[in-house]
Protein backbone atom coordinates (compact mmCIF):
# COMPACT_ATOMS: atom_id res chain seq x y z
CA MET A 1 61.28 -93.38 66.61
CA VAL A 2 63.31 -96.61 66.32
CA ARG A 3 66.56 -94.67 66.03
CA SER A 4 65.91 -92.57 69.15
CA LEU A 5 65.10 -95.68 71.22
CA LEU A 6 68.35 -97.38 70.19
CA VAL A 7 70.62 -94.42 70.92
CA ILE A 8 70.15 -94.60 74.71
CA PRO A 9 71.26 -98.26 75.17
CA LEU A 10 74.02 -97.66 72.60
CA LEU A 11 75.52 -94.88 74.69
CA ALA A 12 75.11 -96.90 77.89
CA ALA A 13 76.86 -99.93 76.37
CA ALA A 14 79.67 -97.76 75.03
CA ALA A 15 80.22 -96.13 78.43
CA GLY A 16 80.18 -99.52 80.20
CA GLY A 17 82.61 -101.00 77.69
CA VAL A 18 85.06 -98.13 78.16
CA TRP A 19 84.87 -98.45 81.95
CA LEU A 20 85.45 -102.23 81.86
CA ALA A 21 88.28 -101.94 79.33
CA ARG A 22 90.00 -99.32 81.46
CA GLY A 23 89.66 -101.54 84.54
CA ALA A 24 91.10 -104.53 82.67
CA LEU A 25 94.04 -102.45 81.47
CA LEU A 26 94.82 -101.20 84.98
CA ARG A 27 94.60 -104.77 86.34
CA TRP A 28 96.93 -106.02 83.60
CA ARG A 29 99.48 -103.32 84.51
CA ASP A 30 99.28 -104.38 88.15
CA LEU A 31 99.98 -108.01 87.16
CA ARG A 32 102.99 -106.96 85.05
CA ALA A 33 104.34 -104.99 87.98
CA ALA A 34 103.85 -107.99 90.26
CA GLU A 35 105.80 -110.25 87.85
CA THR A 36 108.73 -107.81 87.98
CA TYR A 37 109.05 -108.49 91.71
CA GLU A 38 108.31 -112.22 91.21
CA LEU A 39 104.92 -111.91 92.88
CA THR A 40 101.88 -113.94 91.87
CA GLY A 41 98.66 -111.98 91.10
CA ASP A 42 95.09 -113.13 90.53
CA GLN A 43 94.21 -112.86 86.82
CA ARG A 44 90.47 -113.50 87.19
CA PRO A 45 89.44 -109.85 87.80
CA MET A 46 91.37 -108.77 84.70
CA LEU A 47 89.85 -111.53 82.54
CA MET A 48 86.34 -110.77 83.77
CA ARG A 49 86.73 -107.08 82.99
CA ALA A 50 88.19 -107.87 79.56
CA ALA A 51 85.33 -110.27 78.79
CA GLY A 52 82.79 -107.67 79.90
CA ALA A 53 84.43 -105.04 77.69
CA MET A 54 84.27 -107.45 74.72
CA VAL A 55 80.57 -108.13 75.35
CA CYS A 56 79.92 -104.39 75.50
CA GLY A 57 81.86 -103.96 72.25
CA VAL A 58 79.72 -106.57 70.49
CA PHE A 59 76.58 -104.92 71.90
CA VAL A 60 77.72 -101.48 70.73
CA THR A 61 78.44 -102.83 67.24
CA LEU A 62 75.01 -104.46 67.05
CA LEU A 63 73.20 -101.34 68.23
CA THR A 64 75.20 -99.19 65.80
CA VAL A 65 74.10 -101.39 62.90
CA LEU A 66 70.47 -101.35 64.04
CA THR A 67 70.54 -97.57 64.42
CA ALA A 68 71.99 -97.17 60.94
CA LEU A 69 69.34 -99.44 59.47
CA GLY A 70 66.63 -97.42 61.23
CA THR A 71 68.11 -94.20 59.82
CA PHE A 72 67.90 -95.48 56.26
CA GLY A 73 64.32 -96.59 56.69
CA VAL A 74 64.64 -100.37 57.01
CA PHE A 75 62.91 -100.25 60.38
CA GLY A 76 59.63 -98.41 60.48
CA SER A 77 59.15 -99.19 56.78
CA SER A 78 55.46 -99.78 57.35
CA GLU A 79 55.23 -96.26 58.81
CA SER A 80 57.14 -94.87 55.85
CA ARG A 81 54.98 -96.70 53.39
CA SER A 82 51.79 -95.55 55.06
CA GLY A 83 53.08 -91.95 55.19
CA ALA A 84 54.03 -92.10 51.54
CA ALA A 85 50.62 -93.49 50.69
CA GLU A 86 48.99 -90.57 52.47
CA LEU A 87 51.01 -88.04 50.46
CA ALA A 88 50.90 -89.86 47.15
CA VAL A 89 48.69 -88.69 44.32
CA ASP A 90 47.41 -91.25 41.84
CA PRO A 91 46.73 -89.60 38.46
CA ALA A 92 44.82 -92.66 37.30
CA ASP A 93 41.97 -92.30 39.73
CA GLY A 94 42.33 -88.64 40.75
CA THR A 95 43.02 -89.25 44.45
CA ALA A 96 45.27 -87.16 46.62
CA ALA A 97 46.18 -87.42 50.29
CA ALA A 98 48.23 -85.59 52.91
CA GLY A 99 48.07 -86.92 56.48
CA GLY A 100 45.70 -85.70 59.12
CA ARG A 101 41.96 -85.98 58.39
CA GLN A 102 40.47 -88.71 56.24
CA ALA A 103 37.26 -88.18 54.31
CA ALA A 104 35.27 -91.22 53.24
CA PRO A 105 34.13 -91.52 49.60
CA PRO A 106 30.37 -91.59 48.95
CA ALA A 107 28.71 -94.96 49.31
CA ALA A 108 27.02 -96.76 46.47
CA ASP A 109 23.46 -96.00 45.33
CA GLY A 110 23.79 -92.33 46.29
CA ALA A 111 23.90 -92.96 50.06
CA PRO A 112 26.24 -90.63 51.94
CA ALA A 113 29.34 -92.20 53.40
CA THR A 114 30.45 -91.34 56.91
CA ALA A 115 33.98 -90.40 57.86
CA PRO A 116 36.00 -92.43 60.40
CA ALA A 117 35.19 -91.60 64.02
CA PRO A 118 38.69 -90.37 65.03
CA ALA A 119 38.50 -87.50 62.52
CA PRO A 120 35.74 -85.13 63.70
CA PRO A 121 35.87 -82.57 60.84
CA ALA A 122 35.57 -85.25 58.16
CA VAL A 123 31.94 -85.63 57.17
CA PRO A 124 29.80 -87.57 54.71
CA ALA A 125 30.18 -86.61 51.11
CA VAL A 126 27.21 -84.81 49.63
CA PRO A 127 25.23 -87.23 47.47
CA ALA A 128 25.05 -86.50 43.79
CA ALA A 129 21.28 -86.13 44.07
CA GLU A 130 21.76 -83.02 46.22
CA ALA A 131 23.91 -81.19 43.68
CA ALA A 132 22.75 -77.69 42.83
CA PRO A 133 20.86 -77.40 39.54
CA GLY A 134 23.31 -74.87 38.09
CA ALA A 135 26.45 -76.73 39.09
CA ALA A 136 28.73 -78.39 36.57
CA PRO A 137 28.94 -82.20 36.63
CA ALA A 138 30.92 -83.39 39.63
CA ALA A 139 34.26 -85.11 39.23
CA ALA A 140 34.98 -88.52 40.70
CA PRO A 141 35.06 -88.41 44.53
CA VAL A 142 38.51 -87.58 45.86
CA THR A 143 39.74 -88.84 49.22
CA SER A 144 42.00 -86.39 51.02
CA ARG A 145 43.37 -85.94 54.51
CA PHE A 146 43.88 -82.55 56.13
CA ASP A 147 46.41 -81.57 58.82
CA SER A 148 45.69 -78.83 61.32
CA VAL A 149 48.30 -76.08 60.94
CA GLY A 150 46.90 -73.34 63.20
CA HIS A 151 43.90 -71.59 64.73
CA PRO A 152 43.77 -68.07 63.25
CA GLY A 153 40.72 -65.88 63.66
CA GLY A 154 39.20 -68.17 66.27
CA GLY A 155 38.75 -70.98 63.71
CA GLU A 156 40.92 -73.86 62.54
CA LEU A 157 43.28 -73.84 59.55
CA LEU A 158 44.01 -77.14 57.82
CA GLN A 159 46.16 -78.14 54.86
CA SER A 160 46.27 -81.01 52.38
CA ALA A 161 47.36 -81.91 48.86
CA VAL A 162 44.67 -81.83 46.17
CA LEU A 163 44.95 -82.39 42.43
CA GLY A 164 44.84 -79.23 40.34
CA PRO A 165 43.15 -78.75 36.97
CA ASP A 166 46.45 -79.76 35.33
CA GLY A 167 46.47 -83.10 37.17
CA HIS A 168 49.37 -82.18 39.46
CA PRO A 169 49.03 -81.94 43.26
CA ARG A 170 49.04 -78.53 44.93
CA ASN A 171 48.65 -77.39 48.53
CA VAL A 172 45.15 -76.37 49.59
CA ARG A 173 44.37 -74.66 52.88
CA VAL A 174 40.93 -74.72 54.46
CA TRP A 175 39.77 -72.38 57.23
CA LEU A 176 36.88 -73.61 59.35
CA PRO A 177 34.96 -71.01 61.38
CA ALA A 178 34.47 -71.50 65.11
CA GLN A 179 30.82 -72.42 64.44
CA TYR A 180 31.94 -75.50 62.49
CA ALA A 181 32.85 -77.34 65.69
CA LYS A 182 29.94 -75.88 67.69
CA GLU A 183 27.26 -76.88 65.18
CA PRO A 184 27.99 -80.51 64.20
CA ASN A 185 24.85 -80.87 62.07
CA ALA A 186 25.18 -77.63 60.11
CA ARG A 187 26.45 -77.29 56.55
CA PHE A 188 28.32 -74.20 55.43
CA PRO A 189 28.78 -72.20 52.21
CA VAL A 190 32.25 -72.03 50.69
CA VAL A 191 34.39 -69.12 49.50
CA VAL A 192 37.44 -69.89 47.34
CA MET A 193 40.21 -67.32 47.86
CA GLN A 194 42.44 -66.81 44.83
CA ALA A 195 46.24 -66.48 45.20
CA ALA A 196 48.51 -64.30 43.08
CA THR A 197 51.96 -65.75 43.83
CA PRO A 198 53.09 -69.07 42.28
CA ARG A 199 53.23 -71.96 44.75
CA LYS A 200 51.64 -69.90 47.53
CA THR A 201 48.18 -69.82 49.03
CA ALA A 202 46.29 -66.55 49.42
CA ASP A 203 46.48 -66.55 53.22
CA ALA A 204 50.29 -66.34 52.93
CA GLU A 205 49.88 -63.15 50.87
CA VAL A 206 47.14 -61.65 53.06
CA PRO A 207 47.87 -63.00 56.56
CA ASP A 208 45.21 -60.82 58.24
CA VAL A 209 42.42 -62.22 56.09
CA PHE A 210 41.23 -64.53 58.88
CA GLU A 211 40.83 -61.61 61.26
CA GLY A 212 38.60 -59.94 58.67
CA LEU A 213 36.59 -63.11 58.19
CA SER A 214 36.03 -63.78 61.88
CA SER A 215 35.17 -60.15 62.68
CA ALA A 216 32.55 -60.12 59.92
CA VAL A 217 30.98 -63.27 61.36
CA GLN A 218 31.23 -62.18 65.00
CA THR A 219 29.58 -58.82 64.33
CA GLY A 220 26.71 -60.54 62.55
CA LYS A 221 27.55 -58.98 59.18
CA ALA A 222 28.11 -62.37 57.57
CA ARG A 223 27.00 -65.90 58.23
CA PRO A 224 29.77 -68.45 58.89
CA PHE A 225 31.39 -70.06 55.87
CA ILE A 226 34.37 -72.21 54.98
CA LEU A 227 37.31 -70.49 53.26
CA VAL A 228 39.31 -72.55 50.75
CA ALA A 229 42.71 -71.22 49.60
CA PRO A 230 44.29 -73.28 46.80
CA GLU A 231 47.91 -72.77 45.85
CA ALA A 232 48.47 -70.61 42.76
CA PRO A 233 49.82 -72.52 39.75
CA ASN A 234 53.48 -72.36 38.79
CA GLY A 235 54.88 -71.54 35.37
CA THR A 236 54.40 -67.77 35.34
CA GLU A 237 55.48 -65.04 37.75
CA HIS A 238 52.02 -63.48 37.98
CA PRO A 239 49.31 -66.15 37.44
CA CYS A 240 46.44 -63.69 37.89
CA ASP A 241 47.81 -61.39 35.20
CA LEU A 242 47.71 -64.35 32.82
CA VAL A 243 44.18 -65.25 33.91
CA ALA A 244 43.05 -61.65 33.53
CA ALA A 245 44.42 -61.56 29.99
CA ALA A 246 42.72 -64.85 29.06
CA PRO A 247 39.95 -65.41 31.63
CA GLN A 248 38.07 -67.72 29.31
CA ALA A 249 40.78 -70.24 30.17
CA VAL A 250 39.62 -70.42 33.82
CA ALA A 251 39.41 -74.13 34.49
CA ASP A 252 36.55 -75.98 36.10
CA ASP A 253 38.36 -76.99 39.31
CA ALA A 254 36.22 -80.06 39.78
CA ALA A 255 38.79 -81.93 41.89
CA LEU A 256 38.86 -79.07 44.41
CA ARG A 257 35.07 -78.91 44.69
CA THR A 258 34.58 -82.65 45.10
CA THR A 259 37.44 -82.95 47.61
CA ILE A 260 36.15 -80.12 49.79
CA ALA A 261 32.57 -81.38 49.58
CA ALA A 262 33.69 -84.89 50.55
CA SER A 263 35.95 -83.74 53.39
CA PHE A 264 33.83 -81.10 55.12
CA ARG A 265 30.22 -80.26 55.87
CA THR A 266 29.61 -77.92 52.95
CA LEU A 267 26.49 -76.98 51.11
CA PRO A 268 26.27 -78.67 47.68
CA PRO A 269 28.83 -77.18 45.24
CA GLY A 270 27.27 -74.69 42.86
CA PRO A 271 26.33 -71.03 42.45
CA ALA A 272 23.87 -71.12 45.36
CA SER A 273 26.58 -71.83 47.92
CA TRP A 274 30.06 -71.22 46.46
CA GLY A 275 31.71 -67.84 45.91
CA THR A 276 35.21 -66.56 45.17
CA LEU A 277 37.39 -63.82 46.67
CA GLY A 278 40.61 -62.12 45.59
CA VAL A 279 42.60 -59.43 47.39
CA GLU A 280 45.08 -57.12 45.64
CA GLY A 281 47.12 -59.39 43.32
CA GLY A 282 44.48 -62.11 43.54
CA ALA A 283 41.62 -59.75 42.60
CA PRO A 284 41.92 -60.30 38.81
CA CYS A 285 41.68 -64.06 39.35
CA ALA A 286 38.50 -63.67 41.42
CA ALA A 287 36.93 -61.32 38.86
CA ALA A 288 37.84 -63.67 36.00
CA ALA A 289 36.47 -66.72 37.82
CA GLY A 290 33.22 -64.98 38.72
CA LEU A 291 32.67 -63.63 35.20
CA ALA A 292 33.78 -66.73 33.31
CA ARG A 293 32.00 -69.31 35.49
CA PRO A 294 28.85 -67.87 37.10
CA ASP A 295 27.50 -71.40 36.86
CA LEU A 296 30.15 -72.41 39.43
CA TYR A 297 30.46 -69.28 41.58
CA GLY A 298 27.31 -67.47 42.63
CA ALA A 299 29.25 -64.34 43.62
CA ALA A 300 32.75 -62.90 43.32
CA ALA A 301 34.52 -60.12 45.23
CA ALA A 302 37.68 -58.43 43.94
CA VAL A 303 39.44 -56.16 46.46
CA SER A 304 41.97 -53.46 45.47
CA GLY A 305 42.54 -54.98 42.04
CA ARG A 306 43.83 -53.82 38.66
CA PHE A 307 42.04 -55.39 35.71
CA ASP A 308 42.37 -56.10 32.00
CA THR A 309 39.01 -54.50 31.19
CA ALA A 310 38.70 -55.59 27.57
CA ALA A 311 39.52 -59.25 28.26
CA LEU A 312 37.16 -59.47 31.24
CA ALA A 313 34.31 -57.79 29.33
CA LEU A 314 34.74 -60.29 26.48
CA THR A 315 34.73 -63.17 28.92
CA GLY A 316 31.61 -61.88 30.64
CA ALA A 317 29.88 -61.78 27.25
CA GLU A 318 30.82 -65.41 26.60
CA ALA A 319 29.73 -66.69 30.04
CA PRO A 320 26.97 -69.34 30.26
CA ALA A 321 23.69 -67.73 29.26
CA ASN A 322 21.68 -69.26 32.09
CA ALA A 323 23.60 -67.44 34.86
CA ALA A 324 24.19 -63.72 35.44
CA PRO A 325 27.56 -62.93 37.10
CA LYS A 326 27.50 -61.09 40.43
CA LEU A 327 30.64 -59.10 41.18
CA LEU A 328 31.82 -56.68 43.88
CA LEU A 329 34.75 -54.40 43.08
CA ALA A 330 36.04 -52.87 46.32
CA ALA A 331 38.82 -50.33 46.86
CA ALA A 332 39.73 -47.86 49.58
CA LYS A 333 38.56 -44.29 49.22
CA GLY A 334 42.14 -43.10 48.79
CA ASP A 335 43.03 -45.77 46.20
CA ALA A 336 42.45 -43.66 43.10
CA ALA A 337 43.98 -46.20 40.71
CA GLY A 338 41.95 -49.06 42.18
CA LEU A 339 38.68 -47.13 41.99
CA ASP A 340 39.43 -46.04 38.43
CA ALA A 341 40.08 -49.67 37.40
CA ALA A 342 36.83 -50.75 39.07
CA ARG A 343 34.75 -48.07 37.34
CA LYS A 344 36.24 -48.88 33.93
CA LEU A 345 35.48 -52.56 34.37
CA GLN A 346 31.93 -51.82 35.50
CA ALA A 347 31.32 -49.56 32.48
CA ALA A 348 32.81 -52.12 30.08
CA LEU A 349 30.58 -54.89 31.42
CA ARG A 350 27.44 -52.76 31.31
CA GLY A 351 28.20 -51.80 27.74
CA GLY A 352 28.97 -55.37 26.74
CA THR A 353 26.82 -58.12 25.30
CA GLY A 354 25.46 -61.44 26.51
CA ALA A 355 25.90 -62.28 30.17
CA ALA A 356 28.24 -59.30 30.63
CA ALA A 357 25.39 -56.85 30.06
CA ARG A 358 23.32 -58.68 32.68
CA ALA A 359 26.13 -58.79 35.24
CA ASP A 360 25.34 -57.26 38.61
CA VAL A 361 28.51 -55.24 39.26
CA ARG A 362 28.79 -53.16 42.42
CA ILE A 363 31.57 -50.81 43.51
CA SER A 364 32.54 -50.13 47.11
CA GLU A 365 34.53 -46.95 47.64
CA ASN A 366 33.66 -45.82 51.15
CA VAL A 367 36.42 -47.49 53.18
CA GLN A 368 38.91 -45.11 54.75
CA ASP A 369 41.16 -45.70 57.75
CA TYR A 370 44.44 -44.69 59.36
CA THR A 371 46.71 -47.29 57.74
CA PRO A 372 46.63 -49.41 54.56
CA ASP A 373 46.52 -52.57 56.69
CA ARG A 374 43.39 -51.42 58.52
CA GLU A 375 41.80 -50.41 55.23
CA ARG A 376 42.54 -53.85 53.80
CA LEU A 377 41.03 -55.48 56.88
CA ARG A 378 37.84 -53.47 56.50
CA LEU A 379 37.71 -54.16 52.75
CA VAL A 380 38.01 -57.90 53.36
CA ARG A 381 35.23 -57.69 55.95
CA GLN A 382 33.06 -55.83 53.46
CA ALA A 383 33.77 -58.36 50.70
CA VAL A 384 32.92 -61.24 53.03
CA GLN A 385 29.64 -59.56 53.95
CA TYR A 386 28.76 -59.13 50.26
CA LEU A 387 29.54 -62.77 49.45
CA ALA A 388 27.57 -64.08 52.42
CA GLU A 389 24.51 -61.94 51.64
CA THR A 390 24.56 -62.75 47.92
CA LEU A 391 24.93 -66.49 48.43
CA ALA A 392 22.19 -66.41 51.09
CA LYS A 393 19.80 -64.82 48.60
CA ALA A 394 20.72 -67.33 45.92
CA SER A 395 20.08 -70.27 48.24
């Protein structure tokens, strides 16, 4: 901002200096010509133009230095420092920020804290006393700010930086349904959408997901909910393949839950109000999360996935005994490989032990349409309907 304001007077001073210097030079040539014919000329116009050109030169030099200092951040340092503070992540206290919307941390003695007035979507954090009985212990409150990056599906898409289970920041996108702004006192369930590509969020892999979400809500097939799409971890080309092979390693993403709960009007984190969704490459991650942590996710939907049946069945057997996993495996009618993978996983879980044998696993195989994209849209709509209905029953 400082640099752009200085450029205009810099150019004006440079142009004025050139004009005055040219006038002084022409006047000096006239005086030299007059001396040749022994005529006496007035030197004051030349001297005044020369002095004006020198003043313009000093002004141009000063403005050039100020512009350079502004470019390298000397001016506007308070803005830079505040911007850096918004994006910085402090591993010591588990806070992360990325400019846009500021959520206030909970107040002392369990009283909810209110968000600053200029940020409408930021809401009071849910008090610890309201936590769902089956939820894991909450992490320390995390303050985060979300930027609006678009309005797909009639809602609003925001993005921020949130600490991951490994302690490093990752991008997290949050989609708010249109009802979020229309119903300022309402709280909404949450669906976490799993990504399959390192350093990408699931909406980048399935760009039409928001159309499926909004159509399910608009047709009355699902109640409104907030979609959270965390960035997939780096370090392996196919994170969900690794998770499917070792789903017992699914981390308790406490920082994500506490940040979302503190930043938006969500229902208390826990199996009564939080579910998980994965489409195609992200389906194994959703199935693993739902089977490994039914105490965190009350329902999971895996769309058009391919699964490591043995690993997932073992994980389902080792899931917390006080919660029975609920899982939807959906594939298009013409997706023979996807339906075969779903049936094998269902049979393995039913024949397993522990929580796996109690898992409620459903298969959807009735979707058929003209193009794969339309089939995927309908499958997403169906998965959203399943998650909304299941979470509604649980709550």
